[in-house]
Structure formats: C-alpha cells, structure tokens
Amino acid sequence: MADKLSIINSALRLTGNEPVTTNDGSDAWEVASEAYDAELPLLIGRRDWGFASTVVPLTAAPSNPSKAFAYAYVRPPAALQLLDVYASGIGLGSYDIIDNLICCDAPDTVSAKILRLPDEAAWAVGFAEVLKLKVMAGIYRGLHDDPAEAAAIERKAEGFLDEIASRVSQERKGRALMKSRISARRRYGGQPR
C-alpha cells in the first residue's frame, strides 16, 4: 500500500537521497513532504476520479444569501471540488455557490457529488506512481537545483497521468440500455428476441 512516507522514501531513493524514517525536520523531508502535500490535491482536482468522488447529503444552511434561489445548503467541508448537485437523485440544472453555500431551488433531499481526498487504499492503479513522479520533480527542484531533470520527470508524470485517467474513465463509462429490434435482428438473426 502506498502511503505518504513510502511514496516520499521511494522518491528520495530514486533521486539519489537517503530515505527518512518520519518527519525528522531534514531538508529531504521538508522538500518531499511539501511536494506531496501540494501535488496530491492538485492531482485529485484535475480529473473526476471515480475513487475520489462520492455523493453526500447536504445540510440546510441557517440563512440564504441568494436573491435568485429559494434555498441554501452548506457546502461539504471535505469537498475539494463540487461536481454536481442533485434533488431527489436528479441533477439540478441550475445552482450557485455564494459564501461557500450551495444555493438552489430544491426544498429537500439535496445531495452533492464531490471530489475529496480518499484513503490511499482507494487510489486507482498507477495513481501513486504519478504522485511519486511529481514528488521526484519537487525533489529535483528543491534539493538538487536541477530544473531540467525536474521538467523531464514532470513530462513523464503528465504522460502517465493521462494514461491512468483514460483507464479510470473506461471503468466508469456509462452504457445506454436500449433494446432495438433492428439490432436484435442483426445480432441474433431472424425475429427479434
């Protein structure tokens, strides 16, 4: 399993540095930890990752700052990004965010699809590798003062990120269930089933 310390130590070893045991205050820890903490939410926020998204119920706000919408709900504190808002399971076509409140015309049973920082165990295959590459680039910049190598590692991470995101989106591809008599005839021959 990939956790912060194992990713940082792997990145340190791959960049020619000694691993650390924990937050020891060393330059290696400070640079690698800062890179990890900066890159993780950025990577999560760049895509609608299935492993990082969830639907949560919304709580009514004590007041409504909107003149255009009748109701306001508290934005979930764990939300890195709001992806969609639903009323009784149906996506709302229109809502606004004012003062960190989600304003809409839905009176009850309102939920939101959000991106949040998931546990490492939920990460897609390869996501930890992309994060490790991003941490390595930070190490090359911060510890080794080697912007050329950092840029090369960044390019590798970006290419790998695109590949991982493509695989994750294939898992989530929706398929329309449609029963076509013509398709059935073509597939099975003769009379449709």
N, C-alpha and C. Protein backbone atom coordinates (compact mmCIF):
# COMPACT_ATOMS: atom_id res chain seq x y z
N MET A 1 0.84 -1.18 0.00
CA MET A 1 0.00 0.00 0.00
C MET A 1 0.89 1.25 0.00
N ALA A 2 0.47 2.24 -0.74
CA ALA A 2 1.25 3.47 -0.85
C ALA A 2 0.72 4.50 0.13
N ASP A 3 1.54 4.86 1.09
CA ASP A 3 1.18 5.95 1.99
C ASP A 3 2.20 7.07 1.79
N LYS A 4 1.99 8.17 2.46
CA LYS A 4 2.84 9.34 2.26
C LYS A 4 4.32 9.02 2.47
N LEU A 5 4.64 8.36 3.58
CA LEU A 5 6.04 8.08 3.88
C LEU A 5 6.68 7.16 2.84
N SER A 6 5.96 6.11 2.42
CA SER A 6 6.54 5.18 1.44
C SER A 6 6.73 5.86 0.08
N ILE A 7 5.80 6.73 -0.33
CA ILE A 7 5.96 7.46 -1.59
C ILE A 7 7.14 8.41 -1.50
N ILE A 8 7.25 9.14 -0.40
CA ILE A 8 8.36 10.07 -0.22
C ILE A 8 9.69 9.33 -0.21
N ASN A 9 9.77 8.21 0.52
CA ASN A 9 11.04 7.47 0.58
C ASN A 9 11.41 6.87 -0.77
N SER A 10 10.44 6.39 -1.51
CA SER A 10 10.73 5.87 -2.84
C SER A 10 11.25 6.99 -3.74
N ALA A 11 10.61 8.15 -3.68
CA ALA A 11 11.05 9.30 -4.49
C ALA A 11 12.45 9.75 -4.07
N LEU A 12 12.72 9.74 -2.78
CA LEU A 12 14.06 10.13 -2.31
C LEU A 12 15.12 9.15 -2.80
N ARG A 13 14.85 7.85 -2.68
CA ARG A 13 15.83 6.86 -3.15
C ARG A 13 16.08 6.99 -4.65
N LEU A 14 15.00 7.19 -5.42
CA LEU A 14 15.14 7.29 -6.88
C LEU A 14 15.85 8.55 -7.34
N THR A 15 15.94 9.54 -6.46
CA THR A 15 16.65 10.77 -6.81
C THR A 15 18.02 10.84 -6.14
N GLY A 16 18.47 9.71 -5.58
CA GLY A 16 19.81 9.64 -5.01
C GLY A 16 19.93 10.15 -3.60
N ASN A 17 18.84 10.17 -2.87
CA ASN A 17 18.86 10.66 -1.49
C ASN A 17 18.60 9.51 -0.52
N GLU A 18 18.97 9.73 0.72
CA GLU A 18 18.70 8.75 1.76
C GLU A 18 17.24 8.85 2.18
N PRO A 19 16.59 7.71 2.43
CA PRO A 19 15.20 7.77 2.91
C PRO A 19 15.14 8.34 4.32
N VAL A 20 13.96 8.77 4.71
CA VAL A 20 13.74 9.30 6.05
C VAL A 20 12.83 8.33 6.80
N THR A 21 12.85 8.39 8.12
CA THR A 21 12.02 7.50 8.90
C THR A 21 10.67 8.14 9.23
N THR A 22 10.66 9.42 9.34
CA THR A 22 9.44 10.16 9.64
C THR A 22 9.74 11.65 9.47
N ASN A 23 8.86 12.48 9.94
CA ASN A 23 9.08 13.92 9.87
C ASN A 23 10.25 14.26 10.79
N ASP A 24 11.45 14.21 10.24
CA ASP A 24 12.66 14.43 11.05
C ASP A 24 13.20 15.85 10.93
N GLY A 25 12.51 16.71 10.19
CA GLY A 25 12.94 18.10 10.06
C GLY A 25 14.08 18.30 9.07
N SER A 26 14.50 17.23 8.41
CA SER A 26 15.61 17.35 7.45
C SER A 26 15.13 18.08 6.19
N ASP A 27 16.08 18.60 5.43
CA ASP A 27 15.73 19.24 4.16
C ASP A 27 15.02 18.26 3.23
N ALA A 28 15.47 17.01 3.22
CA ALA A 28 14.87 15.99 2.35
C ALA A 28 13.39 15.82 2.71
N TRP A 29 13.10 15.69 4.01
CA TRP A 29 11.70 15.54 4.42
C TRP A 29 10.89 16.78 4.07
N GLU A 30 11.41 17.94 4.38
CA GLU A 30 10.67 19.19 4.16
C GLU A 30 10.32 19.38 2.69
N VAL A 31 11.28 19.17 1.80
CA VAL A 31 11.04 19.37 0.37
C VAL A 31 10.07 18.32 -0.16
N ALA A 32 10.32 17.05 0.16
CA ALA A 32 9.47 15.97 -0.35
C ALA A 32 8.06 16.05 0.22
N SER A 33 7.93 16.36 1.49
CA SER A 33 6.62 16.47 2.12
C SER A 33 5.82 17.63 1.53
N GLU A 34 6.49 18.75 1.31
CA GLU A 34 5.81 19.90 0.71
C GLU A 34 5.35 19.57 -0.71
N ALA A 35 6.18 18.86 -1.47
CA ALA A 35 5.79 18.46 -2.83
C ALA A 35 4.59 17.52 -2.78
N TYR A 36 4.61 16.56 -1.88
CA TYR A 36 3.50 15.61 -1.73
C TYR A 36 2.21 16.35 -1.38
N ASP A 37 2.28 17.20 -0.36
CA ASP A 37 1.09 17.91 0.11
C ASP A 37 0.53 18.87 -0.93
N ALA A 38 1.38 19.41 -1.77
CA ALA A 38 0.92 20.32 -2.82
C ALA A 38 0.34 19.55 -4.01
N GLU A 39 0.99 18.47 -4.39
CA GLU A 39 0.60 17.74 -5.60
C GLU A 39 -0.64 16.86 -5.43
N LEU A 40 -0.82 16.25 -4.26
CA LEU A 40 -1.95 15.33 -4.09
C LEU A 40 -3.30 16.00 -4.37
N PRO A 41 -3.65 17.11 -3.73
CA PRO A 41 -4.95 17.72 -4.05
C PRO A 41 -5.04 18.23 -5.48
N LEU A 42 -3.91 18.67 -6.04
CA LEU A 42 -3.92 19.12 -7.44
C LEU A 42 -4.22 17.97 -8.39
N LEU A 43 -3.60 16.83 -8.15
CA LEU A 43 -3.86 15.65 -9.00
C LEU A 43 -5.31 15.18 -8.87
N ILE A 44 -5.81 15.18 -7.65
CA ILE A 44 -7.21 14.77 -7.44
C ILE A 44 -8.14 15.73 -8.16
N GLY A 45 -7.86 17.03 -8.07
CA GLY A 45 -8.73 18.03 -8.66
C GLY A 45 -8.69 18.13 -10.17
N ARG A 46 -7.72 17.51 -10.79
CA ARG A 46 -7.58 17.62 -12.25
C ARG A 46 -8.51 16.71 -13.03
N ARG A 47 -9.08 15.71 -12.39
CA ARG A 47 -9.96 14.77 -13.07
C ARG A 47 -11.15 14.45 -12.18
N ASP A 48 -12.18 13.90 -12.75
CA ASP A 48 -13.32 13.38 -11.99
C ASP A 48 -13.01 11.91 -11.72
N TRP A 49 -12.12 11.68 -10.76
CA TRP A 49 -11.69 10.32 -10.43
C TRP A 49 -12.83 9.60 -9.73
N GLY A 50 -13.12 8.40 -10.18
CA GLY A 50 -14.15 7.61 -9.51
C GLY A 50 -13.79 7.28 -8.08
N PHE A 51 -12.50 7.05 -7.81
CA PHE A 51 -12.08 6.69 -6.47
C PHE A 51 -12.07 7.88 -5.52
N ALA A 52 -12.15 9.08 -6.06
CA ALA A 52 -12.10 10.29 -5.23
C ALA A 52 -13.44 11.01 -5.16
N SER A 53 -14.43 10.49 -5.88
CA SER A 53 -15.73 11.16 -5.86
C SER A 53 -16.73 10.37 -5.03
N THR A 54 -17.64 11.08 -4.45
CA THR A 54 -18.69 10.47 -3.67
C THR A 54 -19.89 11.40 -3.66
N VAL A 55 -21.04 10.86 -3.35
CA VAL A 55 -22.25 11.66 -3.23
C VAL A 55 -22.60 11.74 -1.75
N VAL A 56 -22.79 12.97 -1.25
CA VAL A 56 -23.09 13.19 0.16
C VAL A 56 -24.35 14.03 0.30
N PRO A 57 -25.14 13.77 1.34
CA PRO A 57 -26.32 14.61 1.57
C PRO A 57 -25.89 16.00 2.03
N LEU A 58 -26.69 17.00 1.70
CA LEU A 58 -26.40 18.37 2.09
C LEU A 58 -27.28 18.77 3.27
N THR A 59 -26.73 19.63 4.11
CA THR A 59 -27.43 20.15 5.27
C THR A 59 -27.92 21.56 4.97
N ALA A 60 -29.15 21.84 5.34
CA ALA A 60 -29.70 23.18 5.11
C ALA A 60 -28.88 24.23 5.87
N ALA A 61 -28.65 25.37 5.22
CA ALA A 61 -27.92 26.47 5.83
C ALA A 61 -28.88 27.30 6.68
N PRO A 62 -28.37 27.95 7.74
CA PRO A 62 -29.25 28.76 8.58
C PRO A 62 -29.81 30.00 7.86
N SER A 63 -29.10 30.47 6.84
CA SER A 63 -29.59 31.62 6.08
C SER A 63 -29.26 31.44 4.62
N ASN A 64 -29.94 32.19 3.77
CA ASN A 64 -29.76 32.09 2.33
C ASN A 64 -29.29 33.45 1.78
N PRO A 65 -28.05 33.52 1.28
CA PRO A 65 -27.57 34.79 0.76
C PRO A 65 -28.03 35.10 -0.67
N SER A 66 -28.71 34.17 -1.31
CA SER A 66 -29.07 34.32 -2.72
C SER A 66 -30.42 35.01 -2.89
N LYS A 67 -30.47 35.89 -3.87
CA LYS A 67 -31.73 36.51 -4.26
C LYS A 67 -32.41 35.69 -5.36
N ALA A 68 -31.64 34.87 -6.06
CA ALA A 68 -32.16 34.12 -7.21
C ALA A 68 -32.68 32.74 -6.85
N PHE A 69 -32.23 32.18 -5.72
CA PHE A 69 -32.62 30.82 -5.34
C PHE A 69 -33.28 30.83 -3.97
N ALA A 70 -34.22 29.91 -3.78
CA ALA A 70 -35.03 29.89 -2.56
C ALA A 70 -34.36 29.20 -1.38
N TYR A 71 -33.41 28.30 -1.62
CA TYR A 71 -32.82 27.50 -0.54
C TYR A 71 -31.30 27.55 -0.61
N ALA A 72 -30.69 27.34 0.56
CA ALA A 72 -29.22 27.29 0.63
C ALA A 72 -28.81 26.10 1.48
N TYR A 73 -27.71 25.47 1.08
CA TYR A 73 -27.19 24.30 1.78
C TYR A 73 -25.70 24.50 2.03
N VAL A 74 -25.22 23.91 3.12
CA VAL A 74 -23.81 24.02 3.49
C VAL A 74 -22.98 23.16 2.55
N ARG A 75 -21.95 23.75 1.98
CA ARG A 75 -21.04 23.00 1.13
C ARG A 75 -20.29 21.99 1.99
N PRO A 76 -20.18 20.74 1.57
CA PRO A 76 -19.50 19.73 2.38
C PRO A 76 -18.05 20.14 2.67
N PRO A 77 -17.64 20.10 3.93
CA PRO A 77 -16.29 20.55 4.28
C PRO A 77 -15.18 19.71 3.64
N ALA A 78 -15.46 18.45 3.32
CA ALA A 78 -14.44 17.58 2.73
C ALA A 78 -14.31 17.78 1.22
N ALA A 79 -15.13 18.63 0.63
CA ALA A 79 -15.15 18.79 -0.83
C ALA A 79 -13.96 19.60 -1.32
N LEU A 80 -13.13 18.96 -2.12
CA LEU A 80 -12.10 19.71 -2.85
C LEU A 80 -12.75 20.46 -4.00
N GLN A 81 -13.75 19.80 -4.58
CA GLN A 81 -14.44 20.37 -5.72
C GLN A 81 -15.87 19.84 -5.75
N LEU A 82 -16.80 20.70 -6.09
CA LEU A 82 -18.19 20.32 -6.24
C LEU A 82 -18.40 19.93 -7.69
N LEU A 83 -18.89 18.71 -7.93
CA LEU A 83 -19.07 18.22 -9.30
C LEU A 83 -20.50 18.38 -9.79
N ASP A 84 -21.48 18.15 -8.90
CA ASP A 84 -22.87 18.28 -9.30
C ASP A 84 -23.74 18.32 -8.06
N VAL A 85 -24.97 18.82 -8.22
CA VAL A 85 -25.93 18.89 -7.13
C VAL A 85 -27.20 18.19 -7.60
N TYR A 86 -27.78 17.39 -6.71
CA TYR A 86 -28.96 16.60 -7.03
C TYR A 86 -30.09 16.90 -6.06
N ALA A 87 -31.31 16.86 -6.57
CA ALA A 87 -32.51 16.92 -5.74
C ALA A 87 -33.28 15.63 -6.00
N SER A 88 -33.49 14.86 -4.95
CA SER A 88 -34.15 13.56 -5.06
C SER A 88 -33.51 12.69 -6.15
N GLY A 89 -32.19 12.75 -6.23
CA GLY A 89 -31.44 11.91 -7.17
C GLY A 89 -31.35 12.42 -8.59
N ILE A 90 -31.95 13.55 -8.89
CA ILE A 90 -31.93 14.11 -10.25
C ILE A 90 -31.05 15.34 -10.25
N GLY A 91 -30.13 15.42 -11.20
CA GLY A 91 -29.21 16.55 -11.29
C GLY A 91 -29.95 17.87 -11.49
N LEU A 92 -29.53 18.87 -10.72
CA LEU A 92 -30.13 20.19 -10.88
C LEU A 92 -29.49 20.90 -12.06
N GLY A 93 -30.29 21.54 -12.84
CA GLY A 93 -29.75 22.27 -13.97
C GLY A 93 -29.13 23.59 -13.57
N SER A 94 -29.57 24.12 -12.43
CA SER A 94 -29.13 25.45 -12.05
C SER A 94 -28.94 25.54 -10.54
N TYR A 95 -27.78 26.03 -10.14
CA TYR A 95 -27.48 26.33 -8.74
C TYR A 95 -26.33 27.31 -8.72
N ASP A 96 -26.06 27.87 -7.56
CA ASP A 96 -24.98 28.83 -7.44
C ASP A 96 -24.28 28.60 -6.10
N ILE A 97 -23.04 29.04 -6.00
CA ILE A 97 -22.31 28.95 -4.74
C ILE A 97 -22.01 30.38 -4.30
N ILE A 98 -22.55 30.74 -3.14
CA ILE A 98 -22.35 32.08 -2.58
C ILE A 98 -21.91 31.90 -1.13
N ASP A 99 -20.83 32.55 -0.75
CA ASP A 99 -20.31 32.45 0.63
C ASP A 99 -20.16 31.00 1.06
N ASN A 100 -19.69 30.16 0.16
CA ASN A 100 -19.47 28.74 0.43
C ASN A 100 -20.77 27.98 0.74
N LEU A 101 -21.90 28.53 0.31
CA LEU A 101 -23.19 27.87 0.42
C LEU A 101 -23.68 27.52 -0.97
N ILE A 102 -24.32 26.37 -1.09
CA ILE A 102 -24.88 25.94 -2.36
C ILE A 102 -26.33 26.40 -2.39
N CYS A 103 -26.62 27.32 -3.30
CA CYS A 103 -27.96 27.89 -3.39
C CYS A 103 -28.69 27.29 -4.59
N CYS A 104 -29.94 26.86 -4.35
CA CYS A 104 -30.72 26.23 -5.41
C CYS A 104 -32.20 26.36 -5.09
N ASP A 105 -33.04 25.82 -5.93
CA ASP A 105 -34.48 25.87 -5.71
C ASP A 105 -35.06 24.54 -5.24
N ALA A 106 -34.23 23.66 -4.73
CA ALA A 106 -34.69 22.36 -4.24
C ALA A 106 -34.95 22.44 -2.74
N PRO A 107 -36.18 22.10 -2.30
CA PRO A 107 -36.52 22.26 -0.89
C PRO A 107 -36.01 21.16 0.04
N ASP A 108 -35.76 19.96 -0.46
CA ASP A 108 -35.31 18.89 0.42
C ASP A 108 -34.67 17.76 -0.37
N THR A 109 -34.10 16.80 0.34
CA THR A 109 -33.40 15.66 -0.23
C THR A 109 -32.38 16.11 -1.27
N VAL A 110 -31.52 17.03 -0.86
CA VAL A 110 -30.50 17.56 -1.74
C VAL A 110 -29.16 16.92 -1.39
N SER A 111 -28.43 16.50 -2.42
CA SER A 111 -27.12 15.90 -2.24
C SER A 111 -26.17 16.48 -3.27
N ALA A 112 -24.90 16.22 -3.05
CA ALA A 112 -23.88 16.75 -3.96
C ALA A 112 -22.85 15.68 -4.27
N LYS A 113 -22.41 15.66 -5.51
CA LYS A 113 -21.29 14.81 -5.90
C LYS A 113 -20.05 15.68 -5.75
N ILE A 114 -19.09 15.20 -4.96
CA ILE A 114 -17.89 15.98 -4.68
C ILE A 114 -16.63 15.16 -4.95
N LEU A 115 -15.54 15.87 -5.16
CA LEU A 115 -14.21 15.26 -5.14
C LEU A 115 -13.65 15.51 -3.75
N ARG A 116 -13.06 14.47 -3.16
CA ARG A 116 -12.47 14.59 -1.83
C ARG A 116 -11.18 13.80 -1.81
N LEU A 117 -10.35 14.03 -0.81
CA LEU A 117 -9.11 13.27 -0.68
C LEU A 117 -9.46 11.88 -0.14
N PRO A 118 -9.31 10.85 -0.96
CA PRO A 118 -9.64 9.49 -0.50
C PRO A 118 -8.45 8.85 0.22
N ASP A 119 -8.73 7.77 0.93
CA ASP A 119 -7.66 6.98 1.53
C ASP A 119 -6.79 6.41 0.42
N GLU A 120 -5.52 6.23 0.72
CA GLU A 120 -4.59 5.70 -0.28
C GLU A 120 -5.03 4.33 -0.81
N ALA A 121 -5.69 3.54 0.01
CA ALA A 121 -6.13 2.21 -0.42
C ALA A 121 -7.13 2.27 -1.56
N ALA A 122 -7.80 3.41 -1.73
CA ALA A 122 -8.82 3.54 -2.77
C ALA A 122 -8.25 4.05 -4.09
N TRP A 123 -7.00 4.47 -4.11
CA TRP A 123 -6.43 5.06 -5.31
C TRP A 123 -6.43 4.06 -6.47
N ALA A 124 -6.60 4.57 -7.67
CA ALA A 124 -6.52 3.74 -8.88
C ALA A 124 -5.10 3.23 -9.05
N VAL A 125 -4.99 2.10 -9.72
CA VAL A 125 -3.68 1.54 -10.01
C VAL A 125 -2.88 2.57 -10.81
N GLY A 126 -1.70 2.87 -10.36
CA GLY A 126 -0.83 3.82 -11.06
C GLY A 126 -0.90 5.24 -10.52
N PHE A 127 -1.93 5.58 -9.77
CA PHE A 127 -2.05 6.95 -9.26
C PHE A 127 -0.89 7.28 -8.31
N ALA A 128 -0.52 6.33 -7.45
CA ALA A 128 0.60 6.55 -6.53
C ALA A 128 1.90 6.77 -7.31
N GLU A 129 2.05 6.09 -8.44
CA GLU A 129 3.25 6.27 -9.27
C GLU A 129 3.32 7.68 -9.83
N VAL A 130 2.19 8.21 -10.28
CA VAL A 130 2.15 9.59 -10.78
C VAL A 130 2.52 10.55 -9.66
N LEU A 131 1.95 10.34 -8.48
CA LEU A 131 2.26 11.20 -7.34
C LEU A 131 3.75 11.12 -6.99
N LYS A 132 4.31 9.91 -7.04
CA LYS A 132 5.73 9.75 -6.74
C LYS A 132 6.58 10.52 -7.75
N LEU A 133 6.22 10.46 -9.02
CA LEU A 133 6.95 11.22 -10.04
C LEU A 133 6.87 12.72 -9.77
N LYS A 134 5.70 13.19 -9.35
CA LYS A 134 5.55 14.61 -9.02
C LYS A 134 6.43 14.99 -7.83
N VAL A 135 6.50 14.12 -6.83
CA VAL A 135 7.36 14.36 -5.67
C VAL A 135 8.83 14.36 -6.10
N MET A 136 9.20 13.43 -7.00
CA MET A 136 10.57 13.41 -7.50
C MET A 136 10.93 14.72 -8.20
N ALA A 137 10.00 15.25 -8.99
CA ALA A 137 10.24 16.53 -9.66
C ALA A 137 10.46 17.63 -8.62
N GLY A 138 9.68 17.61 -7.55
CA GLY A 138 9.88 18.58 -6.47
C GLY A 138 11.23 18.44 -5.81
N ILE A 139 11.68 17.20 -5.65
CA ILE A 139 13.00 16.96 -5.05
C ILE A 139 14.10 17.48 -5.96
N TYR A 140 13.96 17.22 -7.27
CA TYR A 140 14.98 17.73 -8.21
C TYR A 140 15.04 19.25 -8.19
N ARG A 141 13.87 19.89 -8.02
CA ARG A 141 13.85 21.35 -7.95
C ARG A 141 14.40 21.86 -6.62
N GLY A 142 13.89 21.29 -5.52
CA GLY A 142 14.18 21.83 -4.20
C GLY A 142 15.48 21.38 -3.57
N LEU A 143 15.88 20.14 -3.78
CA LEU A 143 17.10 19.62 -3.15
C LEU A 143 18.29 19.66 -4.10
N HIS A 144 18.06 19.35 -5.37
CA HIS A 144 19.16 19.21 -6.30
C HIS A 144 19.37 20.42 -7.20
N ASP A 145 18.45 21.37 -7.16
CA ASP A 145 18.50 22.56 -8.01
C ASP A 145 18.77 22.16 -9.47
N ASP A 146 17.96 21.21 -9.94
CA ASP A 146 18.10 20.68 -11.29
C ASP A 146 16.76 20.83 -12.03
N PRO A 147 16.47 22.04 -12.54
CA PRO A 147 15.17 22.26 -13.19
C PRO A 147 14.99 21.43 -14.47
N ALA A 148 16.07 21.11 -15.16
CA ALA A 148 15.95 20.33 -16.39
C ALA A 148 15.46 18.91 -16.08
N GLU A 149 16.04 18.28 -15.07
CA GLU A 149 15.60 16.94 -14.69
C GLU A 149 14.19 16.98 -14.11
N ALA A 150 13.88 18.02 -13.35
CA ALA A 150 12.53 18.18 -12.81
C ALA A 150 11.51 18.28 -13.94
N ALA A 151 11.83 19.04 -14.98
CA ALA A 151 10.92 19.19 -16.12
C ALA A 151 10.74 17.86 -16.85
N ALA A 152 11.82 17.09 -17.00
CA ALA A 152 11.72 15.79 -17.67
C ALA A 152 10.83 14.84 -16.87
N ILE A 153 10.98 14.84 -15.55
CA ILE A 153 10.15 13.98 -14.70
C ILE A 153 8.70 14.45 -14.75
N GLU A 154 8.47 15.75 -14.78
CA GLU A 154 7.10 16.30 -14.89
C GLU A 154 6.44 15.82 -16.17
N ARG A 155 7.17 15.84 -17.28
CA ARG A 155 6.60 15.37 -18.56
C ARG A 155 6.23 13.90 -18.48
N LYS A 156 7.08 13.11 -17.86
CA LYS A 156 6.80 11.69 -17.69
C LYS A 156 5.56 11.51 -16.82
N ALA A 157 5.44 12.27 -15.76
CA ALA A 157 4.28 12.18 -14.87
C ALA A 157 3.00 12.56 -15.60
N GLU A 158 3.06 13.61 -16.41
CA GLU A 158 1.87 14.06 -17.15
C GLU A 158 1.41 13.01 -18.16
N GLY A 159 2.36 12.39 -18.84
CA GLY A 159 2.00 11.33 -19.78
C GLY A 159 1.37 10.14 -19.07
N PHE A 160 1.93 9.79 -17.94
CA PHE A 160 1.41 8.67 -17.18
C PHE A 160 0.04 9.02 -16.59
N LEU A 161 -0.13 10.27 -16.17
CA LEU A 161 -1.41 10.72 -15.63
C LEU A 161 -2.52 10.58 -16.67
N ASP A 162 -2.22 10.98 -17.91
CA ASP A 162 -3.21 10.84 -18.98
C ASP A 162 -3.59 9.38 -19.19
N GLU A 163 -2.60 8.50 -19.14
CA GLU A 163 -2.86 7.07 -19.33
C GLU A 163 -3.72 6.51 -18.20
N ILE A 164 -3.39 6.86 -16.96
CA ILE A 164 -4.16 6.39 -15.80
C ILE A 164 -5.59 6.92 -15.87
N ALA A 165 -5.74 8.21 -16.18
CA ALA A 165 -7.07 8.82 -16.25
C ALA A 165 -7.91 8.16 -17.34
N SER A 166 -7.29 7.81 -18.44
CA SER A 166 -8.01 7.15 -19.52
C SER A 166 -8.52 5.79 -19.06
N ARG A 167 -7.69 5.04 -18.35
CA ARG A 167 -8.11 3.73 -17.85
C ARG A 167 -9.23 3.85 -16.82
N VAL A 168 -9.12 4.85 -15.95
CA VAL A 168 -10.15 5.05 -14.93
C VAL A 168 -11.47 5.43 -15.59
N SER A 169 -11.42 6.29 -16.61
CA SER A 169 -12.67 6.71 -17.26
C SER A 169 -13.31 5.55 -18.01
N GLN A 170 -12.52 4.60 -18.50
CA GLN A 170 -13.09 3.43 -19.16
C GLN A 170 -13.88 2.57 -18.20
N GLU A 171 -13.45 2.54 -16.94
CA GLU A 171 -14.18 1.77 -15.93
C GLU A 171 -15.55 2.37 -15.66
N ARG A 172 -15.67 3.67 -15.84
CA ARG A 172 -16.89 4.38 -15.47
C ARG A 172 -17.78 4.69 -16.65
N LYS A 173 -17.43 4.20 -17.79
CA LYS A 173 -18.20 4.52 -18.99
C LYS A 173 -19.62 4.01 -18.85
N GLY A 174 -20.57 4.90 -19.02
CA GLY A 174 -21.97 4.52 -18.95
C GLY A 174 -22.40 3.90 -20.27
N ARG A 175 -23.24 2.94 -20.19
CA ARG A 175 -23.76 2.30 -21.38
C ARG A 175 -25.27 2.45 -21.37
N ALA A 176 -25.79 2.95 -22.45
CA ALA A 176 -27.24 3.10 -22.57
C ALA A 176 -27.84 1.73 -22.85
N LEU A 177 -28.84 1.40 -22.09
CA LEU A 177 -29.54 0.15 -22.32
C LEU A 177 -30.68 0.43 -23.28
N MET A 178 -30.52 -0.08 -24.48
CA MET A 178 -31.53 0.18 -25.49
C MET A 178 -31.84 -1.14 -26.19
N LYS A 179 -33.08 -1.43 -26.29
CA LYS A 179 -33.48 -2.65 -26.99
C LYS A 179 -34.00 -2.24 -28.35
N SER A 180 -33.20 -2.50 -29.34
CA SER A 180 -33.58 -2.18 -30.70
C SER A 180 -33.93 -3.46 -31.43
N ARG A 181 -35.07 -3.45 -32.06
CA ARG A 181 -35.49 -4.63 -32.82
C ARG A 181 -34.54 -4.88 -33.98
N ILE A 182 -34.07 -3.80 -34.59
CA ILE A 182 -33.16 -3.96 -35.72
C ILE A 182 -31.83 -4.55 -35.25
N SER A 183 -31.29 -4.03 -34.13
CA SER A 183 -30.04 -4.57 -33.60
C SER A 183 -30.18 -6.03 -33.22
N ALA A 184 -31.31 -6.37 -32.62
CA ALA A 184 -31.54 -7.76 -32.23
C ALA A 184 -31.59 -8.66 -33.46
N ARG A 185 -32.22 -8.19 -34.51
CA ARG A 185 -32.29 -8.97 -35.74
C ARG A 185 -30.88 -9.20 -36.30
N ARG A 186 -30.08 -8.13 -36.31
CA ARG A 186 -28.71 -8.26 -36.82
C ARG A 186 -27.88 -9.20 -35.95
N ARG A 187 -28.03 -9.06 -34.64
CA ARG A 187 -27.21 -9.84 -33.72
C ARG A 187 -27.63 -11.30 -33.70
N TYR A 188 -28.92 -11.56 -33.62
CA TYR A 188 -29.38 -12.93 -33.44
C TYR A 188 -29.96 -13.54 -34.72
N GLY A 189 -30.20 -12.72 -35.72
CA GLY A 189 -30.80 -13.22 -36.98
C GLY A 189 -32.28 -13.54 -36.78
N GLY A 190 -33.02 -13.44 -37.83
CA GLY A 190 -34.45 -13.77 -37.75
C GLY A 190 -35.23 -12.79 -36.94
N GLN A 191 -36.13 -13.30 -36.15
CA GLN A 191 -37.04 -12.49 -35.34
C GLN A 191 -36.30 -11.91 -34.12
N PRO A 192 -36.62 -10.67 -33.76
CA PRO A 192 -36.01 -10.09 -32.56
C PRO A 192 -36.47 -10.83 -31.31
N ARG A 193 -35.61 -10.87 -30.33
CA ARG A 193 -35.93 -11.57 -29.07
C ARG A 193 -36.46 -10.62 -28.05
